[in-house]
Amino acid sequence: MKYFVFARPHAWFAAICLLFGAEANADVLVLKNGDRITGDVKRIWDAEVTIEPEYSDEFKVDLDAISHIESTREFEIEFYDGRSIDAQLGGESAAGEQVFTSESGSVTASLADMLELNEPEDAFKWDTNVEVAATMSLDYNYETDPEDAALSEDIAFLLGIAAEF
């Protein structure tokens, strides 16, 4: 019986994790000709899908060329009939339609029924503005009588801080 021993098993483990881990959170466009494009789906608008793969800048693919989309991320999706849902793109149904999975369940529809798909906006907008201002004035008053030449000092210091979150 022959045994196969891996040289540097930690290097193999790291390579496998990188290979499979990179695609775990990536979106996949499955084209009608069987090709697969892996990357981040940015939006669907005007019957085109904008995707940004790791190996290139973002580009557009005609919606008619796509069989279905697979993604575990949640998107804001609007349909031509006026419906709007926040859902994941769960792949292809047995009937050949796109599966949309939301908190309320799964819905199937043709990709051509989608008017728009966008990445969800952040729930919070972080906008911070801090202003610091300082004013210092010194006022030396000498009395006019030389025998009584006492120095009178008036010092004012004002510091203001305003913060807006």
Protein backbone atom coordinates (compact mmCIF):
# COMPACT_ATOMS: atom_id res chain seq x y z
CA MET A 1 0.00 0.00 0.00
CA LYS A 2 1.36 3.43 -0.96
CA TYR A 3 0.87 6.54 1.11
CA PHE A 4 0.96 10.04 -0.28
CA VAL A 5 2.54 12.56 2.06
CA PHE A 6 2.00 16.28 1.51
CA ALA A 7 5.08 18.41 1.84
CA ARG A 8 4.31 21.52 3.86
CA PRO A 9 0.69 20.71 4.78
CA HIS A 10 0.12 24.19 6.20
CA ALA A 11 0.88 25.70 2.78
CA TRP A 12 -1.65 23.38 1.13
CA PHE A 13 -4.27 24.25 3.72
CA ALA A 14 -3.71 27.99 3.18
CA ALA A 15 -3.94 27.61 -0.58
CA ILE A 16 -7.21 25.66 -0.35
CA CYS A 17 -8.70 28.22 2.06
CA LEU A 18 -7.78 31.05 -0.29
CA LEU A 19 -9.13 29.22 -3.30
CA PHE A 20 -12.51 28.34 -1.81
CA GLY A 21 -12.78 31.23 0.64
CA ALA A 22 -12.52 33.87 -2.07
CA GLU A 23 -15.61 32.56 -3.81
CA ALA A 24 -17.66 31.98 -0.67
CA ASN A 25 -18.97 35.56 -0.54
CA ALA A 26 -18.68 36.34 -4.24
CA ASP A 27 -21.61 36.70 -6.60
CA VAL A 28 -21.81 34.48 -9.66
CA LEU A 29 -23.40 35.25 -13.02
CA VAL A 30 -24.24 31.99 -14.77
CA LEU A 31 -24.52 32.70 -18.47
CA LYS A 32 -26.83 30.86 -20.85
CA ASN A 33 -23.78 29.39 -22.65
CA GLY A 34 -22.60 27.84 -19.35
CA ASP A 35 -19.82 30.33 -18.55
CA ARG A 36 -19.60 31.69 -15.03
CA ILE A 37 -18.43 35.17 -14.04
CA THR A 38 -17.48 35.57 -10.38
CA GLY A 39 -17.28 38.99 -8.73
CA ASP A 40 -19.38 41.61 -6.94
CA VAL A 41 -22.68 42.46 -8.61
CA LYS A 42 -23.00 46.24 -8.31
CA ARG A 43 -26.37 46.86 -9.95
CA ILE A 44 -28.85 45.95 -12.62
CA TRP A 45 -30.17 48.82 -14.68
CA ASP A 46 -31.33 49.22 -18.27
CA ALA A 47 -31.22 45.42 -18.90
CA GLU A 48 -27.52 45.24 -17.99
CA VAL A 49 -25.77 43.71 -14.99
CA THR A 50 -22.73 45.58 -13.70
CA ILE A 51 -20.23 43.22 -12.08
CA GLU A 52 -16.74 43.80 -10.70
CA PRO A 53 -14.53 40.71 -10.70
CA GLU A 54 -11.29 40.61 -8.70
CA TYR A 55 -9.20 40.44 -11.86
CA SER A 56 -10.65 43.45 -13.68
CA ASP A 57 -12.52 46.73 -13.47
CA GLU A 58 -16.29 46.55 -13.42
CA PHE A 59 -18.05 45.84 -16.70
CA LYS A 60 -21.58 45.24 -17.96
CA VAL A 61 -23.24 42.04 -19.18
CA ASP A 62 -26.54 42.01 -21.07
CA LEU A 63 -29.34 40.57 -18.95
CA ASP A 64 -30.50 38.46 -21.93
CA ALA A 65 -27.20 36.53 -21.84
CA ILE A 66 -27.62 35.50 -18.17
CA SER A 67 -29.36 32.29 -17.09
CA HIS A 68 -29.40 33.16 -13.37
CA ILE A 69 -27.45 34.89 -10.60
CA GLU A 70 -26.19 33.32 -7.37
CA SER A 71 -25.46 35.50 -4.35
CA THR A 72 -25.72 35.28 -0.58
CA ARG A 73 -25.72 39.07 -0.24
CA GLU A 74 -28.99 40.96 0.12
CA PHE A 75 -30.00 43.44 -2.59
CA GLU A 76 -32.73 46.05 -3.04
CA ILE A 77 -34.74 44.77 -6.02
CA GLU A 78 -37.49 46.59 -7.92
CA PHE A 79 -39.67 44.90 -10.53
CA TYR A 80 -41.46 46.41 -13.53
CA ASP A 81 -44.84 45.63 -11.93
CA GLY A 82 -44.00 47.95 -9.00
CA ARG A 83 -43.04 45.31 -6.42
CA SER A 84 -39.96 45.97 -4.30
CA ILE A 85 -38.12 43.47 -2.11
CA ASP A 86 -34.87 43.11 -0.23
CA ALA A 87 -33.66 39.63 -1.14
CA GLN A 88 -30.78 37.32 -1.92
CA LEU A 89 -30.37 35.84 -5.37
CA GLY A 90 -30.76 32.13 -4.73
CA GLY A 91 -29.99 30.65 -8.14
CA GLU A 92 -32.29 29.00 -10.66
CA SER A 93 -35.64 27.33 -10.02
CA ALA A 94 -36.75 24.06 -11.65
CA ALA A 95 -38.80 26.16 -14.07
CA GLY A 96 -35.68 28.09 -15.14
CA GLU A 97 -36.50 31.34 -13.34
CA GLN A 98 -34.44 33.34 -10.87
CA VAL A 99 -35.07 32.56 -7.19
CA PHE A 100 -35.31 35.57 -4.85
CA THR A 101 -35.04 34.67 -1.16
CA SER A 102 -36.19 37.21 1.43
CA GLU A 103 -37.22 37.10 5.11
CA SER A 104 -40.81 36.43 4.06
CA GLY A 105 -39.93 33.48 1.82
CA SER A 106 -38.85 32.68 -1.72
CA VAL A 107 -40.25 34.12 -4.93
CA THR A 108 -39.40 33.17 -8.51
CA ALA A 109 -39.42 35.53 -11.48
CA SER A 110 -37.67 36.04 -14.77
CA LEU A 111 -34.56 38.22 -14.72
CA ALA A 112 -36.25 40.27 -17.46
CA ASP A 113 -38.95 41.23 -14.89
CA MET A 114 -36.38 43.19 -12.83
CA LEU A 115 -36.32 46.91 -13.39
CA GLU A 116 -33.48 47.63 -10.99
CA LEU A 117 -31.18 45.93 -8.49
CA ASN A 118 -28.90 47.85 -6.15
CA GLU A 119 -26.65 47.11 -3.23
CA PRO A 120 -28.43 48.19 -0.03
CA GLU A 121 -27.39 51.52 1.41
CA ASP A 122 -25.90 51.67 4.87
CA ALA A 123 -28.45 52.17 7.61
CA PHE A 124 -26.40 54.98 9.15
CA LYS A 125 -24.72 57.89 7.51
CA TRP A 126 -21.69 58.89 9.49
CA ASP A 127 -21.08 62.59 9.24
CA THR A 128 -18.98 64.32 11.84
CA ASN A 129 -18.08 67.95 12.13
CA VAL A 130 -16.02 69.36 14.98
CA GLU A 131 -15.12 73.03 15.22
CA VAL A 132 -12.71 74.48 17.73
CA ALA A 133 -12.20 78.22 18.10
CA ALA A 134 -10.10 80.13 20.59
CA THR A 135 -9.80 83.84 21.23
CA MET A 136 -7.42 85.50 23.67
CA SER A 137 -7.07 89.19 24.32
CA LEU A 138 -4.79 91.09 26.67
CA ASP A 139 -5.53 94.62 27.75
CA TYR A 140 -2.86 96.53 29.64
CA ASN A 141 -4.01 99.77 31.24
CA TYR A 142 -1.49 102.20 32.68
CA GLU A 143 -2.85 104.88 34.86
CA THR A 144 -1.92 108.38 33.82
CA ASP A 145 -0.36 109.39 37.15
CA PRO A 146 3.37 108.42 37.03
CA GLU A 147 3.59 108.14 40.82
CA ASP A 148 0.77 105.67 40.85
CA ALA A 149 2.05 103.58 37.94
CA ALA A 150 0.18 100.44 38.71
CA LEU A 151 -0.39 97.96 35.97
CA SER A 152 -3.93 96.84 35.51
CA GLU A 153 -4.35 93.67 33.47
CA ASP A 154 -7.54 92.44 31.93
CA ILE A 155 -7.16 89.03 30.37
CA ALA A 156 -9.98 87.33 28.62
CA PHE A 157 -9.82 83.83 27.23
CA LEU A 158 -12.65 82.26 25.34
CA LEU A 159 -12.70 78.72 24.06
CA GLY A 160 -15.60 77.35 22.11
CA ILE A 161 -16.15 73.78 20.93
CA ALA A 162 -19.04 72.72 18.78
CA ALA A 163 -19.59 69.13 17.73
CA GLU A 164 -22.20 67.75 15.39
CA PHE A 165 -22.80 64.04 14.84
